[in-house]
Amino acid sequence: MGRHKSTGRTGYSTNRRTVRLRGEDGAFEDVARQLQMLDLDGVPLPAEMSVIIDPVACVIWAVEHLLPPEFQDVSFVYQLSSSAGLTKHDNQLNVHL
């Protein structure tokens, strides 16, 4: 956190090369978003599921069965944790949503 030299406003510093062309706000545009990052570790999956064979089905199962109704019918991006399917059992879910 720092103070902007010319305006005196306090905030986080971002290095922007386009500030001369677009002003102090640079090329960024404020957009209202509702985001949530979830880290699910060691979630036991049903016996017939495998994070190695069908990771998408495992993630969808977790969203549908573990998250509250507010998280149903929303879009999401997932990334399996680095240990998923390697150092963990293949019926154990380790994922970032």
C-alpha atoms as a PDB file:
ATOM      1  CA  MET A   1       0.000   0.000   0.000  1.00  0.00           C
ATOM      2  CA  GLY A   2       1.326   3.416  -0.830  1.00  0.00           C
ATOM      3  CA  ARG A   3       0.487   7.015  -1.682  1.00  0.00           C
ATOM      4  CA  HIS A   4       0.209   8.183  -5.309  1.00  0.00           C
ATOM      5  CA  LYS A   5       2.748  10.977  -5.840  1.00  0.00           C
ATOM      6  CA  SER A   6       0.662  13.295  -8.021  1.00  0.00           C
ATOM      7  CA  THR A   7      -2.820  12.810  -6.509  1.00  0.00           C
ATOM      8  CA  GLY A   8      -1.955  11.952  -2.905  1.00  0.00           C
ATOM      9  CA  ARG A   9      -4.494   9.092  -2.908  1.00  0.00           C
ATOM     10  CA  THR A  10      -3.670   5.980  -0.889  1.00  0.00           C
ATOM     11  CA  GLY A  11      -3.925   2.533  -2.439  1.00  0.00           C
ATOM     12  CA  TYR A  12      -2.102  -0.398  -3.928  1.00  0.00           C
ATOM     13  CA  SER A  13       0.479   0.270  -6.609  1.00  0.00           C
ATOM     14  CA  THR A  14       0.140  -1.243 -10.080  1.00  0.00           C
ATOM     15  CA  ASN A  15       2.842  -0.720 -12.688  1.00  0.00           C
ATOM     16  CA  ARG A  16       1.069   0.366 -15.886  1.00  0.00           C
ATOM     17  CA  ARG A  17       2.869   1.323 -19.055  1.00  0.00           C
ATOM     18  CA  THR A  18      -0.228   2.918 -20.611  1.00  0.00           C
ATOM     19  CA  VAL A  19      -0.723   5.595 -17.966  1.00  0.00           C
ATOM     20  CA  ARG A  20       0.541   8.323 -20.321  1.00  0.00           C
ATOM     21  CA  LEU A  21      -2.051   7.345 -22.920  1.00  0.00           C
ATOM     22  CA  ARG A  22      -5.035   6.597 -20.676  1.00  0.00           C
ATOM     23  CA  GLY A  23      -4.514   8.615 -17.500  1.00  0.00           C
ATOM     24  CA  GLU A  24      -3.890   7.416 -13.957  1.00  0.00           C
ATOM     25  CA  ASP A  25      -6.505   4.666 -14.226  1.00  0.00           C
ATOM     26  CA  GLY A  26      -4.559   3.107 -17.101  1.00  0.00           C
ATOM     27  CA  ALA A  27      -6.278   0.421 -19.133  1.00  0.00           C
ATOM     28  CA  PHE A  28      -8.208  -1.036 -16.195  1.00  0.00           C
ATOM     29  CA  GLU A  29     -11.957  -0.682 -16.003  1.00  0.00           C
ATOM     30  CA  ASP A  30     -13.978  -1.256 -12.822  1.00  0.00           C
ATOM     31  CA  VAL A  31     -16.351  -4.180 -13.197  1.00  0.00           C
ATOM     32  CA  ALA A  32     -18.680  -5.449 -10.494  1.00  0.00           C
ATOM     33  CA  ARG A  33     -18.093  -9.164  -9.944  1.00  0.00           C
ATOM     34  CA  GLN A  34     -19.043 -11.717  -7.343  1.00  0.00           C
ATOM     35  CA  LEU A  35     -16.169 -14.150  -7.003  1.00  0.00           C
ATOM     36  CA  GLN A  36     -15.385 -16.859  -4.470  1.00  0.00           C
ATOM     37  CA  MET A  37     -12.342 -19.138  -4.404  1.00  0.00           C
ATOM     38  CA  LEU A  38     -12.828 -22.463  -2.659  1.00  0.00           C
ATOM     39  CA  ASP A  39     -10.078 -24.941  -1.822  1.00  0.00           C
ATOM     40  CA  LEU A  40     -11.436 -28.448  -1.316  1.00  0.00           C
ATOM     41  CA  ASP A  41      -8.824 -30.849   0.053  1.00  0.00           C
ATOM     42  CA  GLY A  42      -9.188 -34.527   0.816  1.00  0.00           C
ATOM     43  CA  VAL A  43     -12.856 -34.795  -0.143  1.00  0.00           C
ATOM     44  CA  PRO A  44     -13.788 -38.493  -0.277  1.00  0.00           C
ATOM     45  CA  LEU A  45     -15.607 -39.341  -3.486  1.00  0.00           C
ATOM     46  CA  PRO A  46     -18.153 -42.130  -3.999  1.00  0.00           C
ATOM     47  CA  ALA A  47     -16.445 -45.486  -4.603  1.00  0.00           C
ATOM     48  CA  GLU A  48     -17.190 -45.558  -8.350  1.00  0.00           C
ATOM     49  CA  MET A  49     -15.660 -42.112  -9.028  1.00  0.00           C
ATOM     50  CA  SER A  50     -12.033 -41.430  -9.939  1.00  0.00           C
ATOM     51  CA  VAL A  51     -10.352 -38.054 -10.237  1.00  0.00           C
ATOM     52  CA  ILE A  52      -7.937 -39.607 -12.755  1.00  0.00           C
ATOM     53  CA  ILE A  53     -10.563 -41.161 -15.054  1.00  0.00           C
ATOM     54  CA  ASP A  54     -13.164 -38.352 -14.996  1.00  0.00           C
ATOM     55  CA  PRO A  55     -12.104 -35.226 -13.088  1.00  0.00           C
ATOM     56  CA  VAL A  56     -14.972 -33.123 -14.481  1.00  0.00           C
ATOM     57  CA  ALA A  57     -17.587 -35.513 -13.102  1.00  0.00           C
ATOM     58  CA  CYS A  58     -15.850 -35.448  -9.709  1.00  0.00           C
ATOM     59  CA  VAL A  59     -15.843 -31.648  -9.589  1.00  0.00           C
ATOM     60  CA  ILE A  60     -19.496 -31.426 -10.658  1.00  0.00           C
ATOM     61  CA  TRP A  61     -20.406 -34.018  -8.000  1.00  0.00           C
ATOM     62  CA  ALA A  62     -18.635 -31.907  -5.356  1.00  0.00           C
ATOM     63  CA  VAL A  63     -20.414 -28.707  -6.437  1.00  0.00           C
ATOM     64  CA  GLU A  64     -23.815 -30.415  -6.466  1.00  0.00           C
ATOM     65  CA  HIS A  65     -23.427 -32.355  -3.205  1.00  0.00           C
ATOM     66  CA  LEU A  66     -21.144 -30.281  -0.972  1.00  0.00           C
ATOM     67  CA  LEU A  67     -21.982 -26.648  -1.672  1.00  0.00           C
ATOM     68  CA  PRO A  68     -25.083 -24.763  -0.499  1.00  0.00           C
ATOM     69  CA  PRO A  69     -27.960 -23.946  -2.884  1.00  0.00           C
ATOM     70  CA  GLU A  70     -26.521 -20.472  -3.594  1.00  0.00           C
ATOM     71  CA  PHE A  71     -23.713 -22.153  -5.537  1.00  0.00           C
ATOM     72  CA  GLN A  72     -26.012 -24.199  -7.762  1.00  0.00           C
ATOM     73  CA  ASP A  73     -26.542 -23.097 -11.382  1.00  0.00           C
ATOM     74  CA  VAL A  74     -23.469 -20.843 -11.411  1.00  0.00           C
ATOM     75  CA  SER A  75     -20.458 -20.943 -13.677  1.00  0.00           C
ATOM     76  CA  PHE A  76     -17.094 -21.910 -12.257  1.00  0.00           C
ATOM     77  CA  VAL A  77     -13.526 -22.670 -13.173  1.00  0.00           C
ATOM     78  CA  TYR A  78     -11.639 -25.492 -11.510  1.00  0.00           C
ATOM     79  CA  GLN A  79      -8.033 -26.520 -11.148  1.00  0.00           C
ATOM     80  CA  LEU A  80      -7.005 -29.781  -9.564  1.00  0.00           C
ATOM     81  CA  SER A  81      -4.432 -29.398  -6.807  1.00  0.00           C
ATOM     82  CA  SER A  82      -0.922 -30.513  -7.692  1.00  0.00           C
ATOM     83  CA  SER A  83      -1.312 -33.592  -5.468  1.00  0.00           C
ATOM     84  CA  ALA A  84      -4.622 -34.704  -7.021  1.00  0.00           C
ATOM     85  CA  GLY A  85      -4.276 -38.229  -8.331  1.00  0.00           C
ATOM     86  CA  LEU A  86      -0.530 -38.300  -7.685  1.00  0.00           C
ATOM     87  CA  THR A  87       0.136 -38.469  -3.968  1.00  0.00           C
ATOM     88  CA  LYS A  88      -3.523 -38.890  -3.007  1.00  0.00           C
ATOM     89  CA  HIS A  89      -5.947 -41.715  -3.723  1.00  0.00           C
ATOM     90  CA  ASP A  90      -7.800 -41.392  -7.029  1.00  0.00           C
ATOM     91  CA  ASN A  91     -11.151 -41.360  -5.174  1.00  0.00           C
ATOM     92  CA  GLN A  92     -10.109 -38.317  -3.146  1.00  0.00           C
ATOM     93  CA  LEU A  93     -10.773 -34.839  -4.547  1.00  0.00           C
ATOM     94  CA  ASN A  94      -8.281 -31.996  -4.169  1.00  0.00           C
ATOM     95  CA  VAL A  95      -9.440 -29.022  -6.210  1.00  0.00           C
ATOM     96  CA  HIS A  96      -9.568 -25.212  -6.345  1.00  0.00           C
ATOM     97  CA  LEU A  97     -12.922 -23.803  -7.492  1.00  0.00           C
END
